[in-house]
């Protein structure tokens, strides 16, 4: 349970940093990372 929370917080931070530097990253890559984050979040719980 704690591991899942840490994992979701870690991926949330990665999403935040990628959103900040979204100008250098393609929108498609950001969208794919968001989809992967949702999959991993629901997979953890």
PDB file of N, CA and C in Angstrom:
ATOM      1  N   UNK A   1       0.845  -1.199   0.000  1.00  0.00           N
ATOM      2  CA  UNK A   1       0.000   0.000   0.000  1.00  0.00           C
ATOM      3  C   UNK A   1       0.882   1.250   0.000  1.00  0.00           C
ATOM      4  N   UNK A   2       1.868   1.270   0.904  1.00  0.00           N
ATOM      5  CA  UNK A   2       2.762   2.427   0.963  1.00  0.00           C
ATOM      6  C   UNK A   2       3.583   2.536  -0.310  1.00  0.00           C
ATOM      7  N   UNK A   3       3.977   1.384  -0.862  1.00  0.00           N
ATOM      8  CA  UNK A   3       4.767   1.406  -2.092  1.00  0.00           C
ATOM      9  C   UNK A   3       3.957   2.007  -3.244  1.00  0.00           C
ATOM     10  N   UNK A   4       2.666   1.683  -3.289  1.00  0.00           N
ATOM     11  CA  UNK A   4       1.818   2.231  -4.343  1.00  0.00           C
ATOM     12  C   UNK A   4       1.680   3.743  -4.215  1.00  0.00           C
ATOM     13  N   UNK A   5       1.582   4.224  -2.968  1.00  0.00           N
ATOM     14  CA  UNK A   5       1.462   5.672  -2.760  1.00  0.00           C
ATOM     15  C   UNK A   5       2.743   6.358  -3.189  1.00  0.00           C
ATOM     16  N   UNK A   6       3.880   5.792  -2.817  1.00  0.00           N
ATOM     17  CA  UNK A   6       5.155   6.392  -3.225  1.00  0.00           C
ATOM     18  C   UNK A   6       5.294   6.385  -4.740  1.00  0.00           C
ATOM     19  N   UNK A   7       4.857   5.300  -5.377  1.00  0.00           N
ATOM     20  CA  UNK A   7       4.960   5.204  -6.834  1.00  0.00           C
ATOM     21  C   UNK A   7       4.098   6.269  -7.494  1.00  0.00           C
ATOM     22  N   UNK A   8       2.872   6.462  -6.991  1.00  0.00           N
ATOM     23  CA  UNK A   8       1.979   7.463  -7.584  1.00  0.00           C
ATOM     24  C   UNK A   8       2.541   8.861  -7.379  1.00  0.00           C
ATOM     25  N   UNK A   9       3.133   9.138  -6.209  1.00  0.00           N
ATOM     26  CA  UNK A   9       3.733  10.452  -5.965  1.00  0.00           C
ATOM     27  C   UNK A   9       4.922  10.662  -6.887  1.00  0.00           C
ATOM     28  N   UNK A  10       5.727   9.609  -7.080  1.00  0.00           N
ATOM     29  CA  UNK A  10       6.906   9.726  -7.952  1.00  0.00           C
ATOM     30  C   UNK A  10       6.486  10.027  -9.380  1.00  0.00           C
ATOM     31  N   UNK A  11       5.495   9.281  -9.894  1.00  0.00           N
ATOM     32  CA  UNK A  11       5.043   9.518 -11.268  1.00  0.00           C
ATOM     33  C   UNK A  11       4.329  10.857 -11.383  1.00  0.00           C
ATOM     34  N   UNK A  12       3.684  11.289 -10.301  1.00  0.00           N
ATOM     35  CA  UNK A  12       3.058  12.609 -10.319  1.00  0.00           C
ATOM     36  C   UNK A  12       4.104  13.703 -10.463  1.00  0.00           C
ATOM     37  N   UNK A  13       5.241  13.536  -9.777  1.00  0.00           N
ATOM     38  CA  UNK A  13       6.330  14.501  -9.910  1.00  0.00           C
ATOM     39  C   UNK A  13       6.912  14.489 -11.311  1.00  0.00           C
ATOM     40  N   UNK A  14       7.026  13.290 -11.887  1.00  0.00           N
ATOM     41  CA  UNK A  14       7.532  13.202 -13.264  1.00  0.00           C
ATOM     42  C   UNK A  14       6.574  13.894 -14.223  1.00  0.00           C
ATOM     43  N   UNK A  15       5.282  13.728 -14.001  1.00  0.00           N
ATOM     44  CA  UNK A  15       4.300  14.386 -14.856  1.00  0.00           C
ATOM     45  C   UNK A  15       4.396  15.895 -14.707  1.00  0.00           C
ATOM     46  N   UNK A  16       4.588  16.358 -13.476  1.00  0.00           N
ATOM     47  CA  UNK A  16       4.683  17.796 -13.248  1.00  0.00           C
ATOM     48  C   UNK A  16       5.901  18.380 -13.946  1.00  0.00           C
ATOM     49  N   UNK A  17       7.035  17.702 -13.819  1.00  0.00           N
ATOM     50  CA  UNK A  17       8.256  18.202 -14.463  1.00  0.00           C
ATOM     51  C   UNK A  17       8.122  18.159 -15.983  1.00  0.00           C
ATOM     52  N   UNK A  18       7.464  17.120 -16.497  1.00  0.00           N
ATOM     53  CA  UNK A  18       7.280  17.035 -17.943  1.00  0.00           C
ATOM     54  C   UNK A  18       6.295  18.096 -18.424  1.00  0.00           C
ATOM     55  N   UNK A  19       5.339  18.440 -17.584  1.00  0.00           N
ATOM     56  CA  UNK A  19       4.387  19.491 -17.963  1.00  0.00           C
ATOM     57  C   UNK A  19       5.080  20.857 -17.978  1.00  0.00           C
ATOM     58  N   UNK A  20       6.012  21.052 -17.049  1.00  0.00           N
ATOM     59  CA  UNK A  20       6.747  22.317 -17.015  1.00  0.00           C
ATOM     60  C   UNK A  20       7.609  22.457 -18.259  1.00  0.00           C
ATOM     61  N   UNK A  21       8.248  21.370 -18.676  1.00  0.00           N
ATOM     62  CA  UNK A  21       9.118  21.408 -19.852  1.00  0.00           C
ATOM     63  C   UNK A  21       8.389  20.868 -21.078  1.00  0.00           C
ATOM     64  N   UNK A  22       7.070  21.125 -21.140  1.00  0.00           N
ATOM     65  CA  UNK A  22       6.275  20.602 -22.265  1.00  0.00           C
ATOM     66  C   UNK A  22       6.649  21.299 -23.568  1.00  0.00           C
ATOM     67  N   UNK A  23       7.283  22.462 -23.486  1.00  0.00           N
ATOM     68  CA  UNK A  23       7.675  23.162 -24.703  1.00  0.00           C
ATOM     69  C   UNK A  23       8.769  22.405 -25.445  1.00  0.00           C
ATOM     70  N   UNK A  24       9.587  21.647 -24.693  1.00  0.00           N
ATOM     71  CA  UNK A  24      10.684  20.923 -25.328  1.00  0.00           C
ATOM     72  C   UNK A  24      10.255  19.507 -25.702  1.00  0.00           C
ATOM     73  N   UNK A  25       9.143  19.041 -25.140  1.00  0.00           N
ATOM     74  CA  UNK A  25       8.665  17.686 -25.401  1.00  0.00           C
ATOM     75  C   UNK A  25       7.449  17.754 -26.321  1.00  0.00           C
ATOM     76  N   UNK A  26       7.299  16.769 -27.170  1.00  0.00           N
ATOM     77  CA  UNK A  26       6.153  16.733 -28.065  1.00  0.00           C
ATOM     78  C   UNK A  26       4.872  16.483 -27.265  1.00  0.00           C
ATOM     79  N   UNK A  27       3.761  17.098 -27.677  1.00  0.00           N
ATOM     80  CA  UNK A  27       2.493  16.876 -26.957  1.00  0.00           C
ATOM     81  C   UNK A  27       2.080  15.412 -26.932  1.00  0.00           C
ATOM     82  N   UNK A  28       2.417  14.689 -28.012  1.00  0.00           N
ATOM     83  CA  UNK A  28       2.037  13.275 -28.065  1.00  0.00           C
ATOM     84  C   UNK A  28       2.759  12.485 -26.974  1.00  0.00           C
ATOM     85  N   UNK A  29       4.024  12.807 -26.734  1.00  0.00           N
ATOM     86  CA  UNK A  29       4.779  12.109 -25.696  1.00  0.00           C
ATOM     87  C   UNK A  29       4.197  12.423 -24.316  1.00  0.00           C
ATOM     88  N   UNK A  30       3.787  13.665 -24.110  1.00  0.00           N
ATOM     89  CA  UNK A  30       3.187  14.034 -22.821  1.00  0.00           C
ATOM     90  C   UNK A  30       1.876  13.283 -22.628  1.00  0.00           C
ATOM     91  N   UNK A  31       1.101  13.176 -23.699  1.00  0.00           N
ATOM     92  CA  UNK A  31      -0.173  12.459 -23.599  1.00  0.00           C
ATOM     93  C   UNK A  31       0.062  10.985 -23.286  1.00  0.00           C
ATOM     94  N   UNK A  32       1.059  10.384 -23.931  1.00  0.00           N
ATOM     95  CA  UNK A  32       1.358   8.978 -23.668  1.00  0.00           C
ATOM     96  C   UNK A  32       1.833   8.783 -22.229  1.00  0.00           C
ATOM     97  N   UNK A  33       2.629   9.701 -21.718  1.00  0.00           N
ATOM     98  CA  UNK A  33       3.081   9.583 -20.332  1.00  0.00           C
ATOM     99  C   UNK A  33       1.908   9.729 -19.374  1.00  0.00           C
ATOM    100  N   UNK A  34       0.940  10.586 -19.718  1.00  0.00           N
ATOM    101  CA  UNK A  34      -0.242  10.735 -18.876  1.00  0.00           C
ATOM    102  C   UNK A  34      -1.061   9.453 -18.861  1.00  0.00           C
ATOM    103  N   UNK A  35      -1.198   8.813 -20.031  1.00  0.00           N
ATOM    104  CA  UNK A  35      -1.941   7.551 -20.108  1.00  0.00           C
ATOM    105  C   UNK A  35      -1.231   6.466 -19.306  1.00  0.00           C
ATOM    106  N   UNK A  36       0.096   6.414 -19.414  1.00  0.00           N
ATOM    107  CA  UNK A  36       0.849   5.418 -18.646  1.00  0.00           C
ATOM    108  C   UNK A  36       0.711   5.674 -17.152  1.00  0.00           C
ATOM    109  N   UNK A  37       0.696   6.942 -16.746  1.00  0.00           N
ATOM    110  CA  UNK A  37       0.537   7.279 -15.335  1.00  0.00           C
ATOM    111  C   UNK A  37      -0.817   6.792 -14.820  1.00  0.00           C
ATOM    112  N   UNK A  38      -1.873   6.989 -15.629  1.00  0.00           N
ATOM    113  CA  UNK A  38      -3.204   6.540 -15.209  1.00  0.00           C
ATOM    114  C   UNK A  38      -3.230   5.021 -15.095  1.00  0.00           C
ATOM    115  N   UNK A  39      -2.609   4.328 -16.050  1.00  0.00           N
ATOM    116  CA  UNK A  39      -2.587   2.866 -15.996  1.00  0.00           C
ATOM    117  C   UNK A  39      -1.842   2.379 -14.754  1.00  0.00           C
ATOM    118  N   UNK A  40      -0.685   2.975 -14.464  1.00  0.00           N
ATOM    119  CA  UNK A  40       0.101   2.537 -13.312  1.00  0.00           C
ATOM    120  C   UNK A  40      -0.610   2.892 -12.005  1.00  0.00           C
ATOM    121  N   UNK A  41      -1.300   4.016 -11.992  1.00  0.00           N
ATOM    122  CA  UNK A  41      -1.986   4.413 -10.758  1.00  0.00           C
ATOM    123  C   UNK A  41      -3.115   3.444 -10.435  1.00  0.00           C
ATOM    124  N   UNK A  42      -3.938   3.112 -11.442  1.00  0.00           N
ATOM    125  CA  UNK A  42      -5.023   2.171 -11.182  1.00  0.00           C
ATOM    126  C   UNK A  42      -4.493   0.748 -10.999  1.00  0.00           C
ATOM    127  N   UNK A  43      -3.322   0.469 -11.567  1.00  0.00           N
ATOM    128  CA  UNK A  43      -2.738  -0.851 -11.382  1.00  0.00           C
ATOM    129  C   UNK A  43      -2.170  -1.028  -9.979  1.00  0.00           C
ATOM    130  N   UNK A  44      -1.695   0.084  -9.366  1.00  0.00           N
ATOM    131  CA  UNK A  44      -1.139   0.003  -8.021  1.00  0.00           C
ATOM    132  C   UNK A  44      -2.237  -0.277  -6.999  1.00  0.00           C
ATOM    133  N   UNK A  45      -3.385   0.335  -7.192  1.00  0.00           N
ATOM    134  CA  UNK A  45      -4.489   0.138  -6.252  1.00  0.00           C
ATOM    135  C   UNK A  45      -5.457  -0.920  -6.810  1.00  0.00           C
TER     136      UNK A  45
END
